[in-house]
PDB file of all heavy atoms in Angstrom:
ATOM      1  N   PHE A   1    -182.039-110.995 173.388  1.00  0.00           N
ATOM      2  CA  PHE A   1    -182.957-111.540 172.390  1.00  0.00           C
ATOM      3  C   PHE A   1    -182.158-112.123 171.235  1.00  0.00           C
ATOM      4  O   PHE A   1    -181.028-111.709 170.968  1.00  0.00           O
ATOM      5  CB  PHE A   1    -183.954-110.481 171.907  1.00  0.00           C
ATOM      6  CG  PHE A   1    -183.334-109.303 171.218  1.00  0.00           C
ATOM      7  CD1 PHE A   1    -183.270-109.241 169.840  1.00  0.00           C
ATOM      8  CD2 PHE A   1    -182.814-108.251 171.956  1.00  0.00           C
ATOM      9  CE1 PHE A   1    -182.704-108.147 169.208  1.00  0.00           C
ATOM     10  CE2 PHE A   1    -182.248-107.154 171.333  1.00  0.00           C
ATOM     11  CZ  PHE A   1    -182.193-107.104 169.948  1.00  0.00           C
ATOM     12  N   TYR A   2    -182.772-113.100 170.574  1.00  0.00           N
ATOM     13  CA  TYR A   2    -182.182-113.722 169.391  1.00  0.00           C
ATOM     14  C   TYR A   2    -182.879-113.152 168.169  1.00  0.00           C
ATOM     15  O   TYR A   2    -184.104-113.098 168.126  1.00  0.00           O
ATOM     16  CB  TYR A   2    -182.343-115.242 169.438  1.00  0.00           C
ATOM     17  CG  TYR A   2    -181.943-115.920 168.156  1.00  0.00           C
ATOM     18  CD1 TYR A   2    -180.606-115.997 167.787  1.00  0.00           C
ATOM     19  CD2 TYR A   2    -182.895-116.471 167.309  1.00  0.00           C
ATOM     20  CE1 TYR A   2    -180.232-116.616 166.600  1.00  0.00           C
ATOM     21  CE2 TYR A   2    -182.522-117.095 166.125  1.00  0.00           C
ATOM     22  CZ  TYR A   2    -181.189-117.160 165.776  1.00  0.00           C
ATOM     23  OH  TYR A   2    -180.821-117.751 164.608  1.00  0.00           O
ATOM     24  N   HIS A   3    -182.113-112.701 167.189  1.00  0.00           N
ATOM     25  CA  HIS A   3    -182.684-112.168 165.951  1.00  0.00           C
ATOM     26  C   HIS A   3    -182.447-113.196 164.853  1.00  0.00           C
ATOM     27  O   HIS A   3    -181.338-113.347 164.353  1.00  0.00           O
ATOM     28  CB  HIS A   3    -182.047-110.827 165.598  1.00  0.00           C
ATOM     29  CG  HIS A   3    -182.845-110.053 164.618  1.00  0.00           C
ATOM     30  ND1 HIS A   3    -183.001-110.448 163.313  1.00  0.00           N
ATOM     31  CD2 HIS A   3    -183.567-108.917 164.758  1.00  0.00           C
ATOM     32  CE1 HIS A   3    -183.757-109.581 162.675  1.00  0.00           C
ATOM     33  NE2 HIS A   3    -184.121-108.641 163.548  1.00  0.00           N
ATOM     34  N   ALA A   4    -183.511-113.908 164.475  1.00  0.00           N
ATOM     35  CA  ALA A   4    -183.407-115.023 163.539  1.00  0.00           C
ATOM     36  C   ALA A   4    -183.009-114.591 162.128  1.00  0.00           C
ATOM     37  O   ALA A   4    -182.309-115.340 161.426  1.00  0.00           O
ATOM     38  CB  ALA A   4    -184.724-115.795 163.490  1.00  0.00           C
ATOM     39  N   LEU A   5    -183.439-113.419 161.683  1.00  0.00           N
ATOM     40  CA  LEU A   5    -183.126-112.989 160.312  1.00  0.00           C
ATOM     41  C   LEU A   5    -181.636-112.810 160.077  1.00  0.00           C
ATOM     42  O   LEU A   5    -181.132-113.077 158.987  1.00  0.00           O
ATOM     43  CB  LEU A   5    -183.857-111.688 159.967  1.00  0.00           C
ATOM     44  CG  LEU A   5    -185.355-111.805 159.759  1.00  0.00           C
ATOM     45  CD1 LEU A   5    -185.973-110.436 159.534  1.00  0.00           C
ATOM     46  CD2 LEU A   5    -185.664-112.724 158.585  1.00  0.00           C
ATOM     47  N   VAL A   6    -180.916-112.354 161.064  1.00  0.00           N
ATOM     48  CA  VAL A   6    -179.475-112.145 160.923  1.00  0.00           C
ATOM     49  C   VAL A   6    -178.665-113.156 161.728  1.00  0.00           C
ATOM     50  O   VAL A   6    -177.435-113.094 161.737  1.00  0.00           O
ATOM     51  CB  VAL A   6    -179.071-110.703 161.314  1.00  0.00           C
ATOM     52  CG1 VAL A   6    -179.624-109.706 160.320  1.00  0.00           C
ATOM     53  CG2 VAL A   6    -179.504-110.367 162.718  1.00  0.00           C
ATOM     54  N   ASN A   7    -179.364-114.057 162.413  1.00  0.00           N
ATOM     55  CA  ASN A   7    -178.719-115.111 163.203  1.00  0.00           C
ATOM     56  C   ASN A   7    -177.734-114.525 164.222  1.00  0.00           C
ATOM     57  O   ASN A   7    -176.566-114.909 164.279  1.00  0.00           O
ATOM     58  CB  ASN A   7    -178.028-116.125 162.288  1.00  0.00           C
ATOM     59  CG  ASN A   7    -177.618-117.366 163.041  1.00  0.00           C
ATOM     60  OD1 ASN A   7    -178.254-117.774 164.009  1.00  0.00           O
ATOM     61  ND2 ASN A   7    -176.537-117.993 162.598  1.00  0.00           N
ATOM     62  N   LYS A   8    -178.222-113.566 165.011  1.00  0.00           N
ATOM     63  CA  LYS A   8    -177.385-112.900 166.007  1.00  0.00           C
ATOM     64  C   LYS A   8    -178.009-113.029 167.390  1.00  0.00           C
ATOM     65  O   LYS A   8    -179.218-112.948 167.556  1.00  0.00           O
ATOM     66  CB  LYS A   8    -177.245-111.405 165.691  1.00  0.00           C
ATOM     67  CG  LYS A   8    -176.640-111.091 164.347  1.00  0.00           C
ATOM     68  CD  LYS A   8    -175.154-111.232 164.378  1.00  0.00           C
ATOM     69  CE  LYS A   8    -174.569-110.796 163.041  1.00  0.00           C
ATOM     70  NZ  LYS A   8    -173.179-111.094 162.922  1.00  0.00           N
ATOM     71  N   TYR A   9    -177.159-113.200 168.380  1.00  0.00           N
ATOM     72  CA  TYR A   9    -177.557-113.239 169.785  1.00  0.00           C
ATOM     73  C   TYR A   9    -177.190-111.885 170.378  1.00  0.00           C
ATOM     74  O   TYR A   9    -176.008-111.548 170.452  1.00  0.00           O
ATOM     75  CB  TYR A   9    -176.838-114.380 170.498  1.00  0.00           C
ATOM     76  CG  TYR A   9    -177.241-115.720 169.945  1.00  0.00           C
ATOM     77  CD1 TYR A   9    -176.617-116.257 168.825  1.00  0.00           C
ATOM     78  CD2 TYR A   9    -178.273-116.440 170.534  1.00  0.00           C
ATOM     79  CE1 TYR A   9    -177.011-117.488 168.313  1.00  0.00           C
ATOM     80  CE2 TYR A   9    -178.672-117.670 170.025  1.00  0.00           C
ATOM     81  CZ  TYR A   9    -178.040-118.182 168.914  1.00  0.00           C
ATOM     82  OH  TYR A   9    -178.438-119.393 168.407  1.00  0.00           O
ATOM     83  N   LEU A  10    -178.203-111.114 170.760  1.00  0.00           N
ATOM     84  CA  LEU A  10    -177.997-109.705 171.082  1.00  0.00           C
ATOM     85  C   LEU A  10    -178.498-109.332 172.465  1.00  0.00           C
ATOM     86  O   LEU A  10    -179.407-109.953 173.003  1.00  0.00           O
ATOM     87  CB  LEU A  10    -178.720-108.833 170.044  1.00  0.00           C
ATOM     88  CG  LEU A  10    -178.332-109.062 168.583  1.00  0.00           C
ATOM     89  CD1 LEU A  10    -179.272-108.312 167.657  1.00  0.00           C
ATOM     90  CD2 LEU A  10    -176.893-108.650 168.345  1.00  0.00           C
ATOM     91  N   LEU A  11    -177.883-108.275 173.001  1.00  0.00           N
ATOM     92  CA  LEU A  11    -178.329-107.623 174.226  1.00  0.00           C
ATOM     93  C   LEU A  11    -178.556-106.155 173.865  1.00  0.00           C
ATOM     94  O   LEU A  11    -177.857-105.609 173.008  1.00  0.00           O
ATOM     95  CB  LEU A  11    -177.256-107.693 175.312  1.00  0.00           C
ATOM     96  CG  LEU A  11    -176.703-109.059 175.686  1.00  0.00           C
ATOM     97  CD1 LEU A  11    -175.513-108.896 176.611  1.00  0.00           C
ATOM     98  CD2 LEU A  11    -177.767-109.892 176.343  1.00  0.00           C
ATOM     99  N   ASP A  12    -179.516-105.512 174.511  1.00  0.00           N
ATOM    100  CA  ASP A  12    -179.676-104.070 174.330  1.00  0.00           C
ATOM    101  C   ASP A  12    -178.431-103.365 174.843  1.00  0.00           C
ATOM    102  O   ASP A  12    -177.896-103.714 175.899  1.00  0.00           O
ATOM    103  CB  ASP A  12    -180.893-103.550 175.095  1.00  0.00           C
ATOM    104  CG  ASP A  12    -182.209-103.953 174.453  1.00  0.00           C
ATOM    105  OD1 ASP A  12    -182.235-104.184 173.229  1.00  0.00           O
ATOM    106  OD2 ASP A  12    -183.212-104.037 175.174  1.00  0.00           O
ATOM    107  N   TYR A  13    -177.964-102.380 174.090  1.00  0.00           N
ATOM    108  CA  TYR A  13    -176.796-101.589 174.489  1.00  0.00           C
ATOM    109  C   TYR A  13    -177.286-100.470 175.404  1.00  0.00           C
ATOM    110  O   TYR A  13    -178.072 -99.640 174.989  1.00  0.00           O
ATOM    111  CB  TYR A  13    -176.128-100.996 173.248  1.00  0.00           C
ATOM    112  CG  TYR A  13    -174.697-100.563 173.431  1.00  0.00           C
ATOM    113  CD1 TYR A  13    -173.680-101.125 172.681  1.00  0.00           C
ATOM    114  CD2 TYR A  13    -174.356 -99.563 174.341  1.00  0.00           C
ATOM    115  CE1 TYR A  13    -172.365-100.711 172.825  1.00  0.00           C
ATOM    116  CE2 TYR A  13    -173.055 -99.155 174.506  1.00  0.00           C
ATOM    117  CZ  TYR A  13    -172.061 -99.731 173.740  1.00  0.00           C
ATOM    118  OH  TYR A  13    -170.762 -99.322 173.898  1.00  0.00           O
ATOM    119  N   PRO A  14    -176.854-100.441 176.658  1.00  0.00           N
ATOM    120  CA  PRO A  14    -177.380 -99.432 177.590  1.00  0.00           C
ATOM    121  C   PRO A  14    -177.052 -98.004 177.151  1.00  0.00           C
ATOM    122  O   PRO A  14    -175.901 -97.690 176.862  1.00  0.00           O
ATOM    123  CB  PRO A  14    -176.695 -99.776 178.915  1.00  0.00           C
ATOM    124  CG  PRO A  14    -175.491-100.565 178.551  1.00  0.00           C
ATOM    125  CD  PRO A  14    -175.809-101.263 177.262  1.00  0.00           C
ATOM    126  N   GLY A  15    -178.104 -97.182 177.056  1.00  0.00           N
ATOM    127  CA  GLY A  15    -177.916 -95.778 176.748  1.00  0.00           C
ATOM    128  C   GLY A  15    -177.682 -95.440 175.291  1.00  0.00           C
ATOM    129  O   GLY A  15    -177.429 -94.290 174.964  1.00  0.00           O
ATOM    130  N   LYS A  16    -177.748 -96.429 174.402  1.00  0.00           N
ATOM    131  CA  LYS A  16    -177.520 -96.162 172.981  1.00  0.00           C
ATOM    132  C   LYS A  16    -178.689 -96.699 172.168  1.00  0.00           C
ATOM    133  O   LYS A  16    -178.954 -97.898 172.164  1.00  0.00           O
ATOM    134  CB  LYS A  16    -176.221 -96.797 172.499  1.00  0.00           C
ATOM    135  CG  LYS A  16    -174.993 -96.151 173.089  1.00  0.00           C
ATOM    136  CD  LYS A  16    -173.773 -96.493 172.300  1.00  0.00           C
ATOM    137  CE  LYS A  16    -172.564 -95.799 172.883  1.00  0.00           C
ATOM    138  NZ  LYS A  16    -171.379 -96.009 172.085  1.00  0.00           N
ATOM    139  N   GLU A  17    -179.362 -95.799 171.487  1.00  0.00           N
ATOM    140  CA  GLU A  17    -180.485 -96.169 170.648  1.00  0.00           C
ATOM    141  C   GLU A  17    -179.980 -96.816 169.357  1.00  0.00           C
ATOM    142  O   GLU A  17    -178.976 -96.378 168.792  1.00  0.00           O
ATOM    143  CB  GLU A  17    -181.293 -94.911 170.316  1.00  0.00           C
ATOM    144  CG  GLU A  17    -182.623 -95.191 169.693  1.00  0.00           C
ATOM    145  CD  GLU A  17    -183.454 -93.930 169.532  1.00  0.00           C
ATOM    146  OE1 GLU A  17    -183.188 -92.942 170.237  1.00  0.00           O
ATOM    147  OE2 GLU A  17    -184.349 -93.950 168.693  1.00  0.00           O
ATOM    148  N   HIS A  18    -180.631 -97.847 168.919  1.00  0.00           N
ATOM    149  CA  HIS A  18    -180.305 -98.571 167.676  1.00  0.00           C
ATOM    150  C   HIS A  18    -178.959 -99.281 167.745  1.00  0.00           C
ATOM    151  O   HIS A  18    -178.386 -99.597 166.709  1.00  0.00           O
ATOM    152  CB  HIS A  18    -180.332 -97.652 166.457  1.00  0.00           C
ATOM    153  CG  HIS A  18    -181.594 -96.887 166.300  1.00  0.00           C
ATOM    154  ND1 HIS A  18    -182.810 -97.493 166.056  1.00  0.00           N
ATOM    155  CD2 HIS A  18    -181.859 -95.560 166.380  1.00  0.00           C
ATOM    156  CE1 HIS A  18    -183.748 -96.580 165.978  1.00  0.00           C
ATOM    157  NE2 HIS A  18    -183.198 -95.393 166.182  1.00  0.00           N
ATOM    158  N   MET A  19    -178.433 -99.503 168.941  1.00  0.00           N
ATOM    159  CA  MET A  19    -177.176-100.223 169.100  1.00  0.00           C
ATOM    160  C   MET A  19    -177.410-101.430 170.001  1.00  0.00           C
ATOM    161  O   MET A  19    -178.224-101.369 170.919  1.00  0.00           O
ATOM    162  CB  MET A  19    -176.102 -99.329 169.734  1.00  0.00           C
ATOM    163  CG  MET A  19    -175.602 -98.210 168.851  1.00  0.00           C
ATOM    164  SD  MET A  19    -174.624 -98.788 167.468  1.00  0.00           S
ATOM    165  CE  MET A  19    -173.234 -99.528 168.289  1.00  0.00           C
ATOM    166  N   TYR A  20    -176.676-102.492 169.725  1.00  0.00           N
ATOM    167  CA  TYR A  20    -176.820-103.735 170.471  1.00  0.00           C
ATOM    168  C   TYR A  20    -175.439-104.294 170.776  1.00  0.00           C
ATOM    169  O   TYR A  20    -174.449-103.888 170.190  1.00  0.00           O
ATOM    170  CB  TYR A  20    -177.639-104.742 169.657  1.00  0.00           C
ATOM    171  CG  TYR A  20    -178.973-104.178 169.261  1.00  0.00           C
ATOM    172  CD1 TYR A  20    -179.134-103.530 168.039  1.00  0.00           C
ATOM    173  CD2 TYR A  20    -180.061-104.245 170.123  1.00  0.00           C
ATOM    174  CE1 TYR A  20    -180.351-102.974 167.689  1.00  0.00           C
ATOM    175  CE2 TYR A  20    -181.281-103.692 169.787  1.00  0.00           C
ATOM    176  CZ  TYR A  20    -181.420-103.054 168.564  1.00  0.00           C
ATOM    177  OH  TYR A  20    -182.620-102.489 168.231  1.00  0.00           O
ATOM    178  N   ILE A  21    -175.400-105.234 171.683  1.00  0.00           N
ATOM    179  CA  ILE A  21    -174.174-105.948 172.027  1.00  0.00           C
ATOM    180  C   ILE A  21    -174.348-107.376 171.546  1.00  0.00           C
ATOM    181  O   ILE A  21    -175.299-108.059 171.932  1.00  0.00           O
ATOM    182  CB  ILE A  21    -173.929-105.921 173.543  1.00  0.00           C
ATOM    183  CG1 ILE A  21    -173.806-104.473 174.028  1.00  0.00           C
ATOM    184  CG2 ILE A  21    -172.684-106.732 173.891  1.00  0.00           C
ATOM    185  CD1 ILE A  21    -173.816-104.329 175.534  1.00  0.00           C
ATOM    186  N   GLU A  22    -173.437-107.814 170.696  1.00  0.00           N
ATOM    187  CA  GLU A  22    -173.494-109.178 170.165  1.00  0.00           C
ATOM    188  C   GLU A  22    -172.613-110.091 171.007  1.00  0.00           C
ATOM    189  O   GLU A  22    -171.480-109.738 171.342  1.00  0.00           O
ATOM    190  CB  GLU A  22    -173.008-109.192 168.716  1.00  0.00           C
ATOM    191  CG  GLU A  22    -173.030-110.561 168.086  1.00  0.00           C
ATOM    192  CD  GLU A  22    -172.490-110.572 166.664  1.00  0.00           C
ATOM    193  OE1 GLU A  22    -172.207-109.494 166.103  1.00  0.00           O
ATOM    194  OE2 GLU A  22    -172.335-111.676 166.129  1.00  0.00           O
ATOM    195  N   VAL A  23    -173.150-111.263 171.351  1.00  0.00           N
ATOM    196  CA  VAL A  23    -172.392-112.272 172.095  1.00  0.00           C
ATOM    197  C   VAL A  23    -172.528-113.614 171.384  1.00  0.00           C
ATOM    198  O   VAL A  23    -173.402-113.794 170.537  1.00  0.00           O
ATOM    199  CB  VAL A  23    -172.868-112.387 173.568  1.00  0.00           C
ATOM    200  CG1 VAL A  23    -172.611-111.104 174.321  1.00  0.00           C
ATOM    201  CG2 VAL A  23    -174.326-112.771 173.647  1.00  0.00           C
ATOM    202  N   SER A  24    -171.694-114.553 171.736  1.00  0.00           N
ATOM    203  CA  SER A  24    -171.755-115.883 171.133  1.00  0.00           C
ATOM    204  C   SER A  24    -172.987-116.634 171.654  1.00  0.00           C
ATOM    205  O   SER A  24    -173.506-116.312 172.735  1.00  0.00           O
ATOM    206  CB  SER A  24    -170.489-116.679 171.475  1.00  0.00           C
ATOM    207  OG  SER A  24    -170.515-117.062 172.838  1.00  0.00           O
ATOM    208  N   PRO A  25    -173.436-117.668 170.924  1.00  0.00           N
ATOM    209  CA  PRO A  25    -174.575-118.458 171.412  1.00  0.00           C
ATOM    210  C   PRO A  25    -174.325-119.074 172.790  1.00  0.00           C
ATOM    211  O   PRO A  25    -175.222-119.106 173.630  1.00  0.00           O
ATOM    212  CB  PRO A  25    -174.742-119.545 170.345  1.00  0.00           C
ATOM    213  CG  PRO A  25    -174.137-118.971 169.112  1.00  0.00           C
ATOM    214  CD  PRO A  25    -173.014-118.075 169.592  1.00  0.00           C
ATOM    215  N   ASP A  26    -173.096-119.546 173.032  1.00  0.00           N
ATOM    216  CA  ASP A  26    -172.774-120.145 174.332  1.00  0.00           C
ATOM    217  C   ASP A  26    -172.881-119.118 175.459  1.00  0.00           C
ATOM    218  O   ASP A  26    -173.442-119.396 176.520  1.00  0.00           O
ATOM    219  CB  ASP A  26    -171.375-120.756 174.323  1.00  0.00           C
ATOM    220  CG  ASP A  26    -171.288-121.990 173.429  1.00  0.00           C
ATOM    221  OD1 ASP A  26    -172.332-122.630 173.173  1.00  0.00           O
ATOM    222  OD2 ASP A  26    -170.172-122.311 172.985  1.00  0.00           O
ATOM    223  N   ASP A  27    -172.319-117.929 175.225  1.00  0.00           N
ATOM    224  CA  ASP A  27    -172.397-116.877 176.239  1.00  0.00           C
ATOM    225  C   ASP A  27    -173.834-116.403 176.428  1.00  0.00           C
ATOM    226  O   ASP A  27    -174.255-116.106 177.542  1.00  0.00           O
ATOM    227  CB  ASP A  27    -171.493-115.702 175.876  1.00  0.00           C
ATOM    228  CG  ASP A  27    -170.019-116.041 176.029  1.00  0.00           C
ATOM    229  OD1 ASP A  27    -169.698-116.913 176.858  1.00  0.00           O
ATOM    230  OD2 ASP A  27    -169.184-115.439 175.329  1.00  0.00           O
ATOM    231  N   PHE A  28    -174.584-116.324 175.337  1.00  0.00           N
ATOM    232  CA  PHE A  28    -175.992-115.918 175.396  1.00  0.00           C
ATOM    233  C   PHE A  28    -176.758-116.833 176.353  1.00  0.00           C
ATOM    234  O   PHE A  28    -177.576-116.375 177.144  1.00  0.00           O
ATOM    235  CB  PHE A  28    -176.597-115.979 173.990  1.00  0.00           C
ATOM    236  CG  PHE A  28    -177.996-115.485 173.882  1.00  0.00           C
ATOM    237  CD1 PHE A  28    -178.270-114.129 173.757  1.00  0.00           C
ATOM    238  CD2 PHE A  28    -179.069-116.371 173.865  1.00  0.00           C
ATOM    239  CE1 PHE A  28    -179.578-113.670 173.638  1.00  0.00           C
ATOM    240  CE2 PHE A  28    -180.373-115.925 173.741  1.00  0.00           C
ATOM    241  CZ  PHE A  28    -180.625-114.565 173.621  1.00  0.00           C
ATOM    242  N   ASN A  29    -176.477-118.123 176.284  1.00  0.00           N
ATOM    243  CA  ASN A  29    -177.186-119.105 177.113  1.00  0.00           C
ATOM    244  C   ASN A  29    -176.829-119.026 178.596  1.00  0.00           C
ATOM    245  O   ASN A  29    -177.628-119.431 179.443  1.00  0.00           O
ATOM    246  CB  ASN A  29    -176.950-120.516 176.587  1.00  0.00           C
ATOM    247  CG  ASN A  29    -177.651-120.749 175.267  1.00  0.00           C
ATOM    248  OD1 ASN A  29    -178.702-120.181 175.009  1.00  0.00           O
ATOM    249  ND2 ASN A  29    -177.058-121.566 174.411  1.00  0.00           N
ATOM    250  N   ILE A  30    -175.639-118.509 178.926  1.00  0.00           N
ATOM    251  CA  ILE A  30    -175.261-118.432 180.347  1.00  0.00           C
ATOM    252  C   ILE A  30    -175.650-117.092 180.980  1.00  0.00           C
ATOM    253  O   ILE A  30    -175.520-116.930 182.185  1.00  0.00           O
ATOM    254  CB  ILE A  30    -173.755-118.705 180.581  1.00  0.00           C
ATOM    255  CG1 ILE A  30    -172.893-117.644 179.914  1.00  0.00           C
ATOM    256  CG2 ILE A  30    -173.380-120.102 180.132  1.00  0.00           C
ATOM    257  CD1 ILE A  30    -171.443-117.691 180.353  1.00  0.00           C
ATOM    258  N   ILE A  31    -176.105-116.157 180.151  1.00  0.00           N
ATOM    259  CA  ILE A  31    -176.549-114.857 180.671  1.00  0.00           C
ATOM    260  C   ILE A  31    -178.035-114.950 180.992  1.00  0.00           C
ATOM    261  O   ILE A  31    -178.831-115.318 180.134  1.00  0.00           O
ATOM    262  CB  ILE A  31    -176.311-113.737 179.640  1.00  0.00           C
ATOM    263  CG1 ILE A  31    -174.817-113.570 179.361  1.00  0.00           C
ATOM    264  CG2 ILE A  31    -176.930-112.422 180.126  1.00  0.00           C
ATOM    265  CD1 ILE A  31    -174.516-112.643 178.194  1.00  0.00           C
ATOM    266  N   GLY A  32    -178.391-114.631 182.212  1.00  0.00           N
ATOM    267  CA  GLY A  32    -179.802-114.616 182.590  1.00  0.00           C
ATOM    268  C   GLY A  32    -180.465-113.321 182.145  1.00  0.00           C
ATOM    269  O   GLY A  32    -179.846-112.259 182.183  1.00  0.00           O
ATOM    270  N   ASP A  33    -181.722-113.410 181.691  1.00  0.00           N
ATOM    271  CA  ASP A  33    -182.431-112.202 181.314  1.00  0.00           C
ATOM    272  C   ASP A  33    -182.584-111.334 182.559  1.00  0.00           C
ATOM    273  O   ASP A  33    -182.948-111.827 183.627  1.00  0.00           O
ATOM    274  CB  ASP A  33    -183.789-112.540 180.696  1.00  0.00           C
ATOM    275  CG  ASP A  33    -184.321-111.420 179.824  1.00  0.00           C
ATOM    276  OD1 ASP A  33    -183.515-110.611 179.337  1.00  0.00           O
ATOM    277  OD2 ASP A  33    -185.549-111.354 179.622  1.00  0.00           O
ATOM    278  N   SER A  34    -182.264-110.078 182.463  1.00  0.00           N
ATOM    279  CA  SER A  34    -182.257-109.091 183.555  1.00  0.00           C
ATOM    280  C   SER A  34    -181.109-109.298 184.543  1.00  0.00           C
ATOM    281  O   SER A  34    -181.080-108.668 185.595  1.00  0.00           O
ATOM    282  CB  SER A  34    -183.590-109.066 184.297  1.00  0.00           C
ATOM    283  OG  SER A  34    -184.616-108.645 183.427  1.00  0.00           O
ATOM    284  N   GLU A  35    -180.148-110.167 184.210  1.00  0.00           N
ATOM    285  CA  GLU A  35    -178.956-110.334 185.043  1.00  0.00           C
ATOM    286  C   GLU A  35    -178.122-109.052 184.980  1.00  0.00           C
ATOM    287  O   GLU A  35    -178.038-108.403 183.938  1.00  0.00           O
ATOM    288  CB  GLU A  35    -178.127-111.508 184.531  1.00  0.00           C
ATOM    289  CG  GLU A  35    -176.830-111.722 185.271  1.00  0.00           C
ATOM    290  CD  GLU A  35    -176.032-112.923 184.766  1.00  0.00           C
ATOM    291  OE1 GLU A  35    -176.506-113.641 183.875  1.00  0.00           O
ATOM    292  OE2 GLU A  35    -174.928-113.113 185.278  1.00  0.00           O
ATOM    293  N   THR A  36    -177.509-108.683 186.081  1.00  0.00           N
ATOM    294  CA  THR A  36    -176.629-107.521 186.094  1.00  0.00           C
ATOM    295  C   THR A  36    -175.305-107.892 185.443  1.00  0.00           C
ATOM    296  O   THR A  36    -174.653-108.864 185.838  1.00  0.00           O
ATOM    297  CB  THR A  36    -176.383-107.027 187.530  1.00  0.00           C
ATOM    298  OG1 THR A  36    -177.625-106.625 188.093  1.00  0.00           O
ATOM    299  CG2 THR A  36    -175.421-105.843 187.551  1.00  0.00           C
ATOM    300  N   LEU A  37    -174.944-107.119 184.420  1.00  0.00           N
ATOM    301  CA  LEU A  37    -173.662-107.274 183.739  1.00  0.00           C
ATOM    302  C   LEU A  37    -172.936-105.937 183.792  1.00  0.00           C
ATOM    303  O   LEU A  37    -173.544-104.897 184.049  1.00  0.00           O
ATOM    304  CB  LEU A  37    -173.866-107.669 182.271  1.00  0.00           C
ATOM    305  CG  LEU A  37    -174.496-109.014 181.984  1.00  0.00           C
ATOM    306  CD1 LEU A  37    -174.717-109.181 180.484  1.00  0.00           C
ATOM    307  CD2 LEU A  37    -173.636-110.147 182.512  1.00  0.00           C
ATOM    308  N   TYR A  38    -171.638-105.982 183.527  1.00  0.00           N
ATOM    309  CA  TYR A  38    -170.826-104.778 183.462  1.00  0.00           C
ATOM    310  C   TYR A  38    -170.256-104.646 182.063  1.00  0.00           C
ATOM    311  O   TYR A  38    -169.632-105.577 181.549  1.00  0.00           O
ATOM    312  CB  TYR A  38    -169.698-104.828 184.494  1.00  0.00           C
ATOM    313  CG  TYR A  38    -170.230-104.906 185.899  1.00  0.00           C
ATOM    314  CD1 TYR A  38    -170.384-106.130 186.533  1.00  0.00           C
ATOM    315  CD2 TYR A  38    -170.616-103.753 186.573  1.00  0.00           C
ATOM    316  CE1 TYR A  38    -170.907-106.205 187.808  1.00  0.00           C
ATOM    317  CE2 TYR A  38    -171.137-103.822 187.857  1.00  0.00           C
ATOM    318  CZ  TYR A  38    -171.278-105.050 188.460  1.00  0.00           C
ATOM    319  OH  TYR A  38    -171.805-105.126 189.741  1.00  0.00           O
ATOM    320  N   LEU A  39    -170.500-103.506 181.438  1.00  0.00           N
ATOM    321  CA  LEU A  39    -169.967-103.199 180.119  1.00  0.00           C
ATOM    322  C   LEU A  39    -168.637-102.483 180.323  1.00  0.00           C
ATOM    323  O   LEU A  39    -168.581-101.422 180.952  1.00  0.00           O
ATOM    324  CB  LEU A  39    -170.948-102.302 179.361  1.00  0.00           C
ATOM    325  CG  LEU A  39    -170.520-101.814 177.986  1.00  0.00           C
ATOM    326  CD1 LEU A  39    -170.357-102.987 177.018  1.00  0.00           C
ATOM    327  CD2 LEU A  39    -171.543-100.821 177.447  1.00  0.00           C
ATOM    328  N   ILE A  40    -167.564-103.073 179.819  1.00  0.00           N
ATOM    329  CA  ILE A  40    -166.225-102.506 179.970  1.00  0.00           C
ATOM    330  C   ILE A  40    -165.844-101.848 178.646  1.00  0.00           C
ATOM    331  O   ILE A  40    -165.785-102.514 177.617  1.00  0.00           O
ATOM    332  CB  ILE A  40    -165.185-103.587 180.335  1.00  0.00           C
ATOM    333  CG1 ILE A  40    -165.664-104.474 181.487  1.00  0.00           C
ATOM    334  CG2 ILE A  40    -163.831-102.958 180.619  1.00  0.00           C
ATOM    335  CD1 ILE A  40    -165.882-103.771 182.791  1.00  0.00           C
ATOM    336  N   THR A  41    -165.624-100.526 178.694  1.00  0.00           N
ATOM    337  CA  THR A  41    -165.245 -99.763 177.503  1.00  0.00           C
ATOM    338  C   THR A  41    -164.078 -98.842 177.848  1.00  0.00           C
ATOM    339  O   THR A  41    -163.905 -98.461 179.005  1.00  0.00           O
ATOM    340  CB  THR A  41    -166.412 -98.903 176.977  1.00  0.00           C
ATOM    341  OG1 THR A  41    -166.827 -98.001 177.995  1.00  0.00           O
ATOM    342  CG2 THR A  41    -167.594 -99.761 176.553  1.00  0.00           C
ATOM    343  N   PRO A  42    -163.293 -98.446 176.839  1.00  0.00           N
ATOM    344  CA  PRO A  42    -162.221 -97.476 177.081  1.00  0.00           C
ATOM    345  C   PRO A  42    -162.801 -96.106 177.434  1.00  0.00           C
ATOM    346  O   PRO A  42    -163.964 -95.824 177.165  1.00  0.00           O
ATOM    347  CB  PRO A  42    -161.484 -97.407 175.736  1.00  0.00           C
ATOM    348  CG  PRO A  42    -161.909 -98.622 174.998  1.00  0.00           C
ATOM    349  CD  PRO A  42    -163.275 -98.956 175.484  1.00  0.00           C
ATOM    350  N   ILE A  43    -161.986 -95.241 178.020  1.00  0.00           N
ATOM    351  CA  ILE A  43    -162.405 -93.887 178.387  1.00  0.00           C
ATOM    352  C   ILE A  43    -162.619 -93.027 177.140  1.00  0.00           C
ATOM    353  O   ILE A  43    -163.637 -92.375 177.002  1.00  0.00           O
ATOM    354  CB  ILE A  43    -161.351 -93.219 179.307  1.00  0.00           C
ATOM    355  CG1 ILE A  43    -161.199 -93.992 180.614  1.00  0.00           C
ATOM    356  CG2 ILE A  43    -161.681 -91.755 179.559  1.00  0.00           C
ATOM    357  CD1 ILE A  43    -162.344 -93.885 181.560  1.00  0.00           C
ATOM    358  N   ILE A  44    -161.669 -93.025 176.217  1.00  0.00           N
ATOM    359  CA  ILE A  44    -161.713 -92.131 175.062  1.00  0.00           C
ATOM    360  C   ILE A  44    -162.526 -92.728 173.920  1.00  0.00           C
ATOM    361  O   ILE A  44    -163.449 -92.112 173.421  1.00  0.00           O
ATOM    362  CB  ILE A  44    -160.289 -91.788 174.580  1.00  0.00           C
ATOM    363  CG1 ILE A  44    -159.517 -91.072 175.697  1.00  0.00           C
ATOM    364  CG2 ILE A  44    -160.336 -90.919 173.330  1.00  0.00           C
ATOM    365  CD1 ILE A  44    -158.055 -90.877 175.401  1.00  0.00           C
TER     366      ILE A  44
END
């Protein structure tokens, strides 16, 4: 979703309440809604 008040292109952060993933407008446009993505994070 796009949040106009803060001008951010966001995805829901899986498993985290009140957290989102911010991406660039270009990347936002190439991601399909409900497309499977992989979140890569460190272990620790």
